[in-house]
């Protein structure tokens, strides 16, 4: 799950996107890096839906709780997508 950045001693953990499918970004996609958010700036808070692979289970459970901020962000992104007329 983690890998050492060569010679730095810093560990980099893979990230998983847990938000709704949007153009160019599918839920469950694993990244070795944080993607450029410039392409998704109309989706407020989307960066919070990229979670460390090691925390996927806990973060997914939070996403299902209607009182959790992740759920709120997910719903806002889904609503923005709907307004844009975007389809999966």
PDB file of N, CA and C in Angstrom:
ATOM      1  N   UNK A   1       0.806  -1.198   0.000  1.00  0.00           N
ATOM      2  CA  UNK A   1       0.000   0.000   0.000  1.00  0.00           C
ATOM      3  C   UNK A   1       0.847   1.259   0.000  1.00  0.00           C
ATOM      4  N   UNK A   2       1.963   1.208   0.702  1.00  0.00           N
ATOM      5  CA  UNK A   2       2.824   2.388   0.709  1.00  0.00           C
ATOM      6  C   UNK A   2       4.119   2.041   0.010  1.00  0.00           C
ATOM      7  N   UNK A   3       4.778   3.057  -0.472  1.00  0.00           N
ATOM      8  CA  UNK A   3       6.072   2.850  -1.095  1.00  0.00           C
ATOM      9  C   UNK A   3       6.978   4.003  -0.700  1.00  0.00           C
ATOM     10  N   UNK A   4       8.259   3.702  -0.598  1.00  0.00           N
ATOM     11  CA  UNK A   4       9.222   4.752  -0.277  1.00  0.00           C
ATOM     12  C   UNK A   4       9.507   5.571  -1.516  1.00  0.00           C
ATOM     13  N   UNK A   5       9.528   6.876  -1.363  1.00  0.00           N
ATOM     14  CA  UNK A   5       9.991   7.726  -2.449  1.00  0.00           C
ATOM     15  C   UNK A   5      11.502   7.612  -2.433  1.00  0.00           C
ATOM     16  N   UNK A   6      12.092   7.349  -3.568  1.00  0.00           N
ATOM     17  CA  UNK A   6      13.514   7.051  -3.638  1.00  0.00           C
ATOM     18  C   UNK A   6      14.370   8.051  -2.886  1.00  0.00           C
ATOM     19  N   UNK A   7      15.099   7.543  -1.919  1.00  0.00           N
ATOM     20  CA  UNK A   7      16.072   8.336  -1.212  1.00  0.00           C
ATOM     21  C   UNK A   7      15.528   9.383  -0.255  1.00  0.00           C
ATOM     22  N   UNK A   8      14.216   9.504  -0.130  1.00  0.00           N
ATOM     23  CA  UNK A   8      13.677  10.568   0.716  1.00  0.00           C
ATOM     24  C   UNK A   8      13.246  10.071   2.083  1.00  0.00           C
ATOM     25  N   UNK A   9      12.991   8.773   2.208  1.00  0.00           N
ATOM     26  CA  UNK A   9      12.491   8.243   3.465  1.00  0.00           C
ATOM     27  C   UNK A   9      11.014   8.561   3.680  1.00  0.00           C
ATOM     28  N   UNK A  10      10.383   9.231   2.709  1.00  0.00           N
ATOM     29  CA  UNK A  10       8.967   9.583   2.806  1.00  0.00           C
ATOM     30  C   UNK A  10       8.150   8.476   2.164  1.00  0.00           C
ATOM     31  N   UNK A  11       7.085   8.066   2.847  1.00  0.00           N
ATOM     32  CA  UNK A  11       6.224   7.041   2.283  1.00  0.00           C
ATOM     33  C   UNK A  11       5.032   7.700   1.606  1.00  0.00           C
ATOM     34  N   UNK A  12       4.683   7.167   0.462  1.00  0.00           N
ATOM     35  CA  UNK A  12       3.568   7.677  -0.321  1.00  0.00           C
ATOM     36  C   UNK A  12       2.526   6.570  -0.403  1.00  0.00           C
ATOM     37  N   UNK A  13       1.316   6.853   0.064  1.00  0.00           N
ATOM     38  CA  UNK A  13       0.259   5.852   0.035  1.00  0.00           C
ATOM     39  C   UNK A  13      -0.650   6.087  -1.152  1.00  0.00           C
ATOM     40  N   UNK A  14      -1.090   5.012  -1.746  1.00  0.00           N
ATOM     41  CA  UNK A  14      -2.022   5.117  -2.868  1.00  0.00           C
ATOM     42  C   UNK A  14      -3.336   5.710  -2.375  1.00  0.00           C
ATOM     43  N   UNK A  15      -4.000   6.434  -3.271  1.00  0.00           N
ATOM     44  CA  UNK A  15      -5.264   7.081  -2.961  1.00  0.00           C
ATOM     45  C   UNK A  15      -6.374   6.439  -3.784  1.00  0.00           C
ATOM     46  N   UNK A  16      -7.587   6.400  -3.217  1.00  0.00           N
ATOM     47  CA  UNK A  16      -8.752   5.850  -3.906  1.00  0.00           C
ATOM     48  C   UNK A  16      -9.824   6.927  -3.960  1.00  0.00           C
ATOM     49  N   UNK A  17     -10.437   7.090  -5.128  1.00  0.00           N
ATOM     50  CA  UNK A  17     -11.543   8.035  -5.270  1.00  0.00           C
ATOM     51  C   UNK A  17     -12.830   7.317  -4.885  1.00  0.00           C
ATOM     52  N   UNK A  18     -13.577   7.874  -3.905  1.00  0.00           N
ATOM     53  CA  UNK A  18     -14.804   7.229  -3.427  1.00  0.00           C
ATOM     54  C   UNK A  18     -16.057   8.054  -3.740  1.00  0.00           C
ATOM     55  N   UNK A  19     -15.929   9.010  -4.631  1.00  0.00           N
ATOM     56  CA  UNK A  19     -17.071   9.840  -4.993  1.00  0.00           C
ATOM     57  C   UNK A  19     -17.878   9.237  -6.131  1.00  0.00           C
ATOM     58  N   UNK A  20     -18.905   9.971  -6.566  1.00  0.00           N
ATOM     59  CA  UNK A  20     -19.714   9.479  -7.685  1.00  0.00           C
ATOM     60  C   UNK A  20     -18.916   9.518  -8.993  1.00  0.00           C
ATOM     61  N   UNK A  21     -19.292   8.662  -9.929  1.00  0.00           N
ATOM     62  CA  UNK A  21     -18.658   8.683 -11.241  1.00  0.00           C
ATOM     63  C   UNK A  21     -18.946  10.022 -11.904  1.00  0.00           C
ATOM     64  N   UNK A  22     -17.899  10.638 -12.409  1.00  0.00           N
ATOM     65  CA  UNK A  22     -18.049  11.855 -13.198  1.00  0.00           C
ATOM     66  C   UNK A  22     -17.157  11.695 -14.418  1.00  0.00           C
ATOM     67  N   UNK A  23     -17.311  12.557 -15.394  1.00  0.00           N
ATOM     68  CA  UNK A  23     -16.539  12.423 -16.625  1.00  0.00           C
ATOM     69  C   UNK A  23     -15.045  12.401 -16.324  1.00  0.00           C
ATOM     70  N   UNK A  24     -14.408  11.313 -16.708  1.00  0.00           N
ATOM     71  CA  UNK A  24     -12.970  11.165 -16.525  1.00  0.00           C
ATOM     72  C   UNK A  24     -12.537  10.671 -15.161  1.00  0.00           C
ATOM     73  N   UNK A  25     -13.493  10.351 -14.293  1.00  0.00           N
ATOM     74  CA  UNK A  25     -13.153   9.903 -12.937  1.00  0.00           C
ATOM     75  C   UNK A  25     -14.205   8.923 -12.443  1.00  0.00           C
ATOM     76  N   UNK A  26     -13.781   7.685 -12.215  1.00  0.00           N
ATOM     77  CA  UNK A  26     -14.697   6.640 -11.769  1.00  0.00           C
ATOM     78  C   UNK A  26     -14.466   6.295 -10.307  1.00  0.00           C
ATOM     79  N   UNK A  27     -15.551   6.079  -9.600  1.00  0.00           N
ATOM     80  CA  UNK A  27     -15.460   5.675  -8.203  1.00  0.00           C
ATOM     81  C   UNK A  27     -14.685   4.365  -8.089  1.00  0.00           C
ATOM     82  N   UNK A  28     -13.810   4.299  -7.100  1.00  0.00           N
ATOM     83  CA  UNK A  28     -13.004   3.095  -6.892  1.00  0.00           C
ATOM     84  C   UNK A  28     -11.668   3.115  -7.617  1.00  0.00           C
ATOM     85  N   UNK A  29     -11.402   4.163  -8.384  1.00  0.00           N
ATOM     86  CA  UNK A  29     -10.132   4.258  -9.092  1.00  0.00           C
ATOM     87  C   UNK A  29      -9.011   4.508  -8.092  1.00  0.00           C
ATOM     88  N   UNK A  30      -7.938   3.733  -8.219  1.00  0.00           N
ATOM     89  CA  UNK A  30      -6.773   3.854  -7.341  1.00  0.00           C
ATOM     90  C   UNK A  30      -5.703   4.662  -8.073  1.00  0.00           C
ATOM     91  N   UNK A  31      -5.122   5.613  -7.357  1.00  0.00           N
ATOM     92  CA  UNK A  31      -4.092   6.484  -7.916  1.00  0.00           C
ATOM     93  C   UNK A  31      -2.802   6.340  -7.117  1.00  0.00           C
ATOM     94  N   UNK A  32      -1.678   6.410  -7.818  1.00  0.00           N
ATOM     95  CA  UNK A  32      -0.363   6.450  -7.170  1.00  0.00           C
ATOM     96  C   UNK A  32      -0.029   7.868  -6.738  1.00  0.00           C
ATOM     97  N   UNK A  33      -0.834   8.814  -7.167  1.00  0.00           N
ATOM     98  CA  UNK A  33      -0.597  10.235  -6.929  1.00  0.00           C
ATOM     99  C   UNK A  33      -1.950  10.926  -6.828  1.00  0.00           C
ATOM    100  N   UNK A  34      -1.952  12.142  -6.340  1.00  0.00           N
ATOM    101  CA  UNK A  34      -3.184  12.931  -6.290  1.00  0.00           C
ATOM    102  C   UNK A  34      -3.374  13.568  -7.663  1.00  0.00           C
ATOM    103  N   UNK A  35      -4.483  13.260  -8.343  1.00  0.00           N
ATOM    104  CA  UNK A  35      -4.695  13.838  -9.678  1.00  0.00           C
ATOM    105  C   UNK A  35      -4.843  15.355  -9.633  1.00  0.00           C
ATOM    106  N   UNK A  36      -4.654  15.988 -10.757  1.00  0.00           N
ATOM    107  CA  UNK A  36      -4.797  17.432 -10.885  1.00  0.00           C
ATOM    108  C   UNK A  36      -6.260  17.802 -10.694  1.00  0.00           C
ATOM    109  N   UNK A  37      -6.546  18.620  -9.696  1.00  0.00           N
ATOM    110  CA  UNK A  37      -7.923  18.988  -9.367  1.00  0.00           C
ATOM    111  C   UNK A  37      -8.480  20.095 -10.269  1.00  0.00           C
ATOM    112  N   UNK A  38      -7.632  20.694 -11.065  1.00  0.00           N
ATOM    113  CA  UNK A  38      -8.075  21.764 -11.971  1.00  0.00           C
ATOM    114  C   UNK A  38      -9.207  21.282 -12.885  1.00  0.00           C
ATOM    115  N   UNK A  39      -9.161  20.024 -13.286  1.00  0.00           N
ATOM    116  CA  UNK A  39     -10.185  19.463 -14.169  1.00  0.00           C
ATOM    117  C   UNK A  39     -11.530  19.277 -13.472  1.00  0.00           C
ATOM    118  N   UNK A  40     -11.546  19.343 -12.156  1.00  0.00           N
ATOM    119  CA  UNK A  40     -12.763  19.041 -11.392  1.00  0.00           C
ATOM    120  C   UNK A  40     -13.156  20.188 -10.463  1.00  0.00           C
ATOM    121  N   UNK A  41     -12.717  21.398 -10.768  1.00  0.00           N
ATOM    122  CA  UNK A  41     -12.941  22.530  -9.861  1.00  0.00           C
ATOM    123  C   UNK A  41     -14.404  22.876  -9.660  1.00  0.00           C
ATOM    124  N   UNK A  42     -15.301  22.474 -10.578  1.00  0.00           N
ATOM    125  CA  UNK A  42     -16.727  22.755 -10.391  1.00  0.00           C
ATOM    126  C   UNK A  42     -17.361  21.853  -9.332  1.00  0.00           C
ATOM    127  N   UNK A  43     -16.634  20.832  -8.898  1.00  0.00           N
ATOM    128  CA  UNK A  43     -17.129  19.901  -7.886  1.00  0.00           C
ATOM    129  C   UNK A  43     -16.489  20.253  -6.542  1.00  0.00           C
ATOM    130  N   UNK A  44     -17.165  21.080  -5.790  1.00  0.00           N
ATOM    131  CA  UNK A  44     -16.634  21.575  -4.523  1.00  0.00           C
ATOM    132  C   UNK A  44     -16.359  20.445  -3.536  1.00  0.00           C
ATOM    133  N   UNK A  45     -15.160  20.420  -2.991  1.00  0.00           N
ATOM    134  CA  UNK A  45     -14.769  19.443  -1.975  1.00  0.00           C
ATOM    135  C   UNK A  45     -14.345  18.092  -2.513  1.00  0.00           C
ATOM    136  N   UNK A  46     -14.248  17.944  -3.830  1.00  0.00           N
ATOM    137  CA  UNK A  46     -13.934  16.633  -4.420  1.00  0.00           C
ATOM    138  C   UNK A  46     -12.625  16.046  -3.893  1.00  0.00           C
ATOM    139  N   UNK A  47     -11.677  16.900  -3.568  1.00  0.00           N
ATOM    140  CA  UNK A  47     -10.378  16.402  -3.085  1.00  0.00           C
ATOM    141  C   UNK A  47     -10.516  15.595  -1.795  1.00  0.00           C
ATOM    142  N   UNK A  48     -11.571  15.839  -1.034  1.00  0.00           N
ATOM    143  CA  UNK A  48     -11.800  15.099   0.220  1.00  0.00           C
ATOM    144  C   UNK A  48     -12.258  13.663  -0.047  1.00  0.00           C
ATOM    145  N   UNK A  49     -12.694  13.389  -1.287  1.00  0.00           N
ATOM    146  CA  UNK A  49     -13.157  12.053  -1.637  1.00  0.00           C
ATOM    147  C   UNK A  49     -12.046  11.188  -2.220  1.00  0.00           C
ATOM    148  N   UNK A  50     -10.817  11.670  -2.130  1.00  0.00           N
ATOM    149  CA  UNK A  50      -9.633  10.864  -2.419  1.00  0.00           C
ATOM    150  C   UNK A  50      -9.077  10.466  -1.064  1.00  0.00           C
ATOM    151  N   UNK A  51      -9.178   9.189  -0.743  1.00  0.00           N
ATOM    152  CA  UNK A  51      -8.793   8.719   0.590  1.00  0.00           C
ATOM    153  C   UNK A  51      -7.651   7.717   0.465  1.00  0.00           C
ATOM    154  N   UNK A  52      -6.816   7.604   1.503  1.00  0.00           N
ATOM    155  CA  UNK A  52      -5.734   6.622   1.478  1.00  0.00           C
ATOM    156  C   UNK A  52      -6.291   5.204   1.348  1.00  0.00           C
ATOM    157  N   UNK A  53      -5.652   4.395   0.548  1.00  0.00           N
ATOM    158  CA  UNK A  53      -6.089   3.021   0.325  1.00  0.00           C
ATOM    159  C   UNK A  53      -6.227   2.261   1.642  1.00  0.00           C
ATOM    160  N   UNK A  54      -5.326   2.502   2.572  1.00  0.00           N
ATOM    161  CA  UNK A  54      -5.366   1.824   3.862  1.00  0.00           C
ATOM    162  C   UNK A  54      -6.561   2.209   4.724  1.00  0.00           C
ATOM    163  N   UNK A  55      -7.210   3.316   4.400  1.00  0.00           N
ATOM    164  CA  UNK A  55      -8.370   3.797   5.159  1.00  0.00           C
ATOM    165  C   UNK A  55      -9.681   3.619   4.403  1.00  0.00           C
ATOM    166  N   UNK A  56      -9.646   2.890   3.312  1.00  0.00           N
ATOM    167  CA  UNK A  56     -10.813   2.778   2.442  1.00  0.00           C
ATOM    168  C   UNK A  56     -12.058   2.294   3.176  1.00  0.00           C
ATOM    169  N   UNK A  57     -11.931   1.257   3.971  1.00  0.00           N
ATOM    170  CA  UNK A  57     -13.101   0.706   4.663  1.00  0.00           C
ATOM    171  C   UNK A  57     -13.724   1.745   5.596  1.00  0.00           C
ATOM    172  N   UNK A  58     -12.909   2.381   6.417  1.00  0.00           N
ATOM    173  CA  UNK A  58     -13.416   3.365   7.372  1.00  0.00           C
ATOM    174  C   UNK A  58     -14.049   4.569   6.668  1.00  0.00           C
ATOM    175  N   UNK A  59     -13.398   5.045   5.617  1.00  0.00           N
ATOM    176  CA  UNK A  59     -13.899   6.211   4.898  1.00  0.00           C
ATOM    177  C   UNK A  59     -15.183   5.899   4.143  1.00  0.00           C
ATOM    178  N   UNK A  60     -15.290   4.683   3.611  1.00  0.00           N
ATOM    179  CA  UNK A  60     -16.520   4.272   2.923  1.00  0.00           C
ATOM    180  C   UNK A  60     -17.681   4.206   3.909  1.00  0.00           C
ATOM    181  N   UNK A  61     -17.410   3.730   5.114  1.00  0.00           N
ATOM    182  CA  UNK A  61     -18.459   3.704   6.140  1.00  0.00           C
ATOM    183  C   UNK A  61     -18.905   5.114   6.499  1.00  0.00           C
ATOM    184  N   UNK A  62     -17.958   6.039   6.596  1.00  0.00           N
ATOM    185  CA  UNK A  62     -18.302   7.439   6.878  1.00  0.00           C
ATOM    186  C   UNK A  62     -19.169   8.019   5.766  1.00  0.00           C
ATOM    187  N   UNK A  63     -18.856   7.646   4.546  1.00  0.00           N
ATOM    188  CA  UNK A  63     -19.576   8.151   3.385  1.00  0.00           C
ATOM    189  C   UNK A  63     -21.061   7.794   3.457  1.00  0.00           C
ATOM    190  N   UNK A  64     -21.377   6.679   4.062  1.00  0.00           N
ATOM    191  CA  UNK A  64     -22.768   6.208   4.156  1.00  0.00           C
ATOM    192  C   UNK A  64     -23.564   6.891   5.267  1.00  0.00           C
ATOM    193  N   UNK A  65     -22.867   7.528   6.214  1.00  0.00           N
ATOM    194  CA  UNK A  65     -23.545   8.219   7.317  1.00  0.00           C
ATOM    195  C   UNK A  65     -24.046   9.573   6.839  1.00  0.00           C
ATOM    196  N   UNK A  66     -25.342   9.768   6.866  1.00  0.00           N
ATOM    197  CA  UNK A  66     -25.931  11.006   6.347  1.00  0.00           C
ATOM    198  C   UNK A  66     -25.466  12.250   7.098  1.00  0.00           C
ATOM    199  N   UNK A  67     -25.010  12.096   8.318  1.00  0.00           N
ATOM    200  CA  UNK A  67     -24.551  13.254   9.092  1.00  0.00           C
ATOM    201  C   UNK A  67     -23.060  13.548   8.881  1.00  0.00           C
ATOM    202  N   UNK A  68     -22.367  12.735   8.094  1.00  0.00           N
ATOM    203  CA  UNK A  68     -20.932  12.903   7.894  1.00  0.00           C
ATOM    204  C   UNK A  68     -20.633  13.857   6.747  1.00  0.00           C
ATOM    205  N   UNK A  69     -19.567  14.634   6.893  1.00  0.00           N
ATOM    206  CA  UNK A  69     -19.189  15.596   5.854  1.00  0.00           C
ATOM    207  C   UNK A  69     -18.896  14.929   4.513  1.00  0.00           C
ATOM    208  N   UNK A  70     -18.366  13.707   4.503  1.00  0.00           N
ATOM    209  CA  UNK A  70     -18.093  13.023   3.240  1.00  0.00           C
ATOM    210  C   UNK A  70     -19.387  12.734   2.487  1.00  0.00           C
ATOM    211  N   UNK A  71     -20.422  12.356   3.219  1.00  0.00           N
ATOM    212  CA  UNK A  71     -21.732  12.109   2.601  1.00  0.00           C
ATOM    213  C   UNK A  71     -22.253  13.403   1.965  1.00  0.00           C
ATOM    214  N   UNK A  72     -22.116  14.505   2.689  1.00  0.00           N
ATOM    215  CA  UNK A  72     -22.563  15.806   2.201  1.00  0.00           C
ATOM    216  C   UNK A  72     -21.827  16.186   0.910  1.00  0.00           C
ATOM    217  N   UNK A  73     -20.516  16.006   0.881  1.00  0.00           N
ATOM    218  CA  UNK A  73     -19.721  16.321  -0.306  1.00  0.00           C
ATOM    219  C   UNK A  73     -20.142  15.427  -1.476  1.00  0.00           C
ATOM    220  N   UNK A  74     -20.306  14.133  -1.201  1.00  0.00           N
ATOM    221  CA  UNK A  74     -20.729  13.176  -2.233  1.00  0.00           C
ATOM    222  C   UNK A  74     -22.053  13.623  -2.854  1.00  0.00           C
ATOM    223  N   UNK A  75     -23.023  13.956  -2.007  1.00  0.00           N
ATOM    224  CA  UNK A  75     -24.341  14.373  -2.487  1.00  0.00           C
ATOM    225  C   UNK A  75     -24.258  15.672  -3.299  1.00  0.00           C
ATOM    226  N   UNK A  76     -23.436  16.614  -2.870  1.00  0.00           N
ATOM    227  CA  UNK A  76     -23.275  17.869  -3.614  1.00  0.00           C
ATOM    228  C   UNK A  76     -22.673  17.630  -4.993  1.00  0.00           C
ATOM    229  N   UNK A  77     -21.705  16.732  -5.063  1.00  0.00           N
ATOM    230  CA  UNK A  77     -21.088  16.410  -6.355  1.00  0.00           C
ATOM    231  C   UNK A  77     -22.097  15.718  -7.262  1.00  0.00           C
ATOM    232  N   UNK A  78     -22.862  14.788  -6.708  1.00  0.00           N
ATOM    233  CA  UNK A  78     -23.895  14.101  -7.495  1.00  0.00           C
ATOM    234  C   UNK A  78     -24.925  15.094  -8.022  1.00  0.00           C
ATOM    235  N   UNK A  79     -25.290  16.074  -7.197  1.00  0.00           N
ATOM    236  CA  UNK A  79     -26.266  17.092  -7.612  1.00  0.00           C
ATOM    237  C   UNK A  79     -25.676  17.988  -8.698  1.00  0.00           C
ATOM    238  N   UNK A  80     -24.428  18.382  -8.564  1.00  0.00           N
ATOM    239  CA  UNK A  80     -23.765  19.195  -9.578  1.00  0.00           C
ATOM    240  C   UNK A  80     -23.705  18.435 -10.903  1.00  0.00           C
ATOM    241  N   UNK A  81     -23.379  17.171 -10.816  1.00  0.00           N
ATOM    242  CA  UNK A  81     -23.313  16.311 -12.009  1.00  0.00           C
ATOM    243  C   UNK A  81     -24.685  16.258 -12.684  1.00  0.00           C
ATOM    244  N   UNK A  82     -25.728  16.101 -11.882  1.00  0.00           N
ATOM    245  CA  UNK A  82     -27.098  16.025 -12.398  1.00  0.00           C
ATOM    246  C   UNK A  82     -27.482  17.324 -13.111  1.00  0.00           C
ATOM    247  N   UNK A  83     -27.126  18.460 -12.515  1.00  0.00           N
ATOM    248  CA  UNK A  83     -27.432  19.767 -13.116  1.00  0.00           C
ATOM    249  C   UNK A  83     -26.714  19.957 -14.439  1.00  0.00           C
ATOM    250  N   UNK A  84     -25.511  19.389 -14.544  1.00  0.00           N
ATOM    251  CA  UNK A  84     -24.752  19.489 -15.787  1.00  0.00           C
ATOM    252  C   UNK A  84     -25.298  18.558 -16.867  1.00  0.00           C
ATOM    253  N   UNK A  85     -26.175  17.640 -16.451  1.00  0.00           N
ATOM    254  CA  UNK A  85     -26.720  16.670 -17.412  1.00  0.00           C
ATOM    255  C   UNK A  85     -25.744  15.569 -17.755  1.00  0.00           C
ATOM    256  N   UNK A  86     -24.771  15.356 -16.875  1.00  0.00           N
ATOM    257  CA  UNK A  86     -23.757  14.340 -17.081  1.00  0.00           C
ATOM    258  C   UNK A  86     -24.328  12.962 -16.770  1.00  0.00           C
ATOM    259  N   UNK A  87     -23.925  11.973 -17.537  1.00  0.00           N
ATOM    260  CA  UNK A  87     -24.358  10.592 -17.299  1.00  0.00           C
ATOM    261  C   UNK A  87     -23.123   9.727 -17.084  1.00  0.00           C
ATOM    262  N   UNK A  88     -23.310   8.597 -16.408  1.00  0.00           N
ATOM    263  CA  UNK A  88     -22.196   7.659 -16.162  1.00  0.00           C
ATOM    264  C   UNK A  88     -21.813   6.955 -17.445  1.00  0.00           C
TER     265      UNK A  88
END
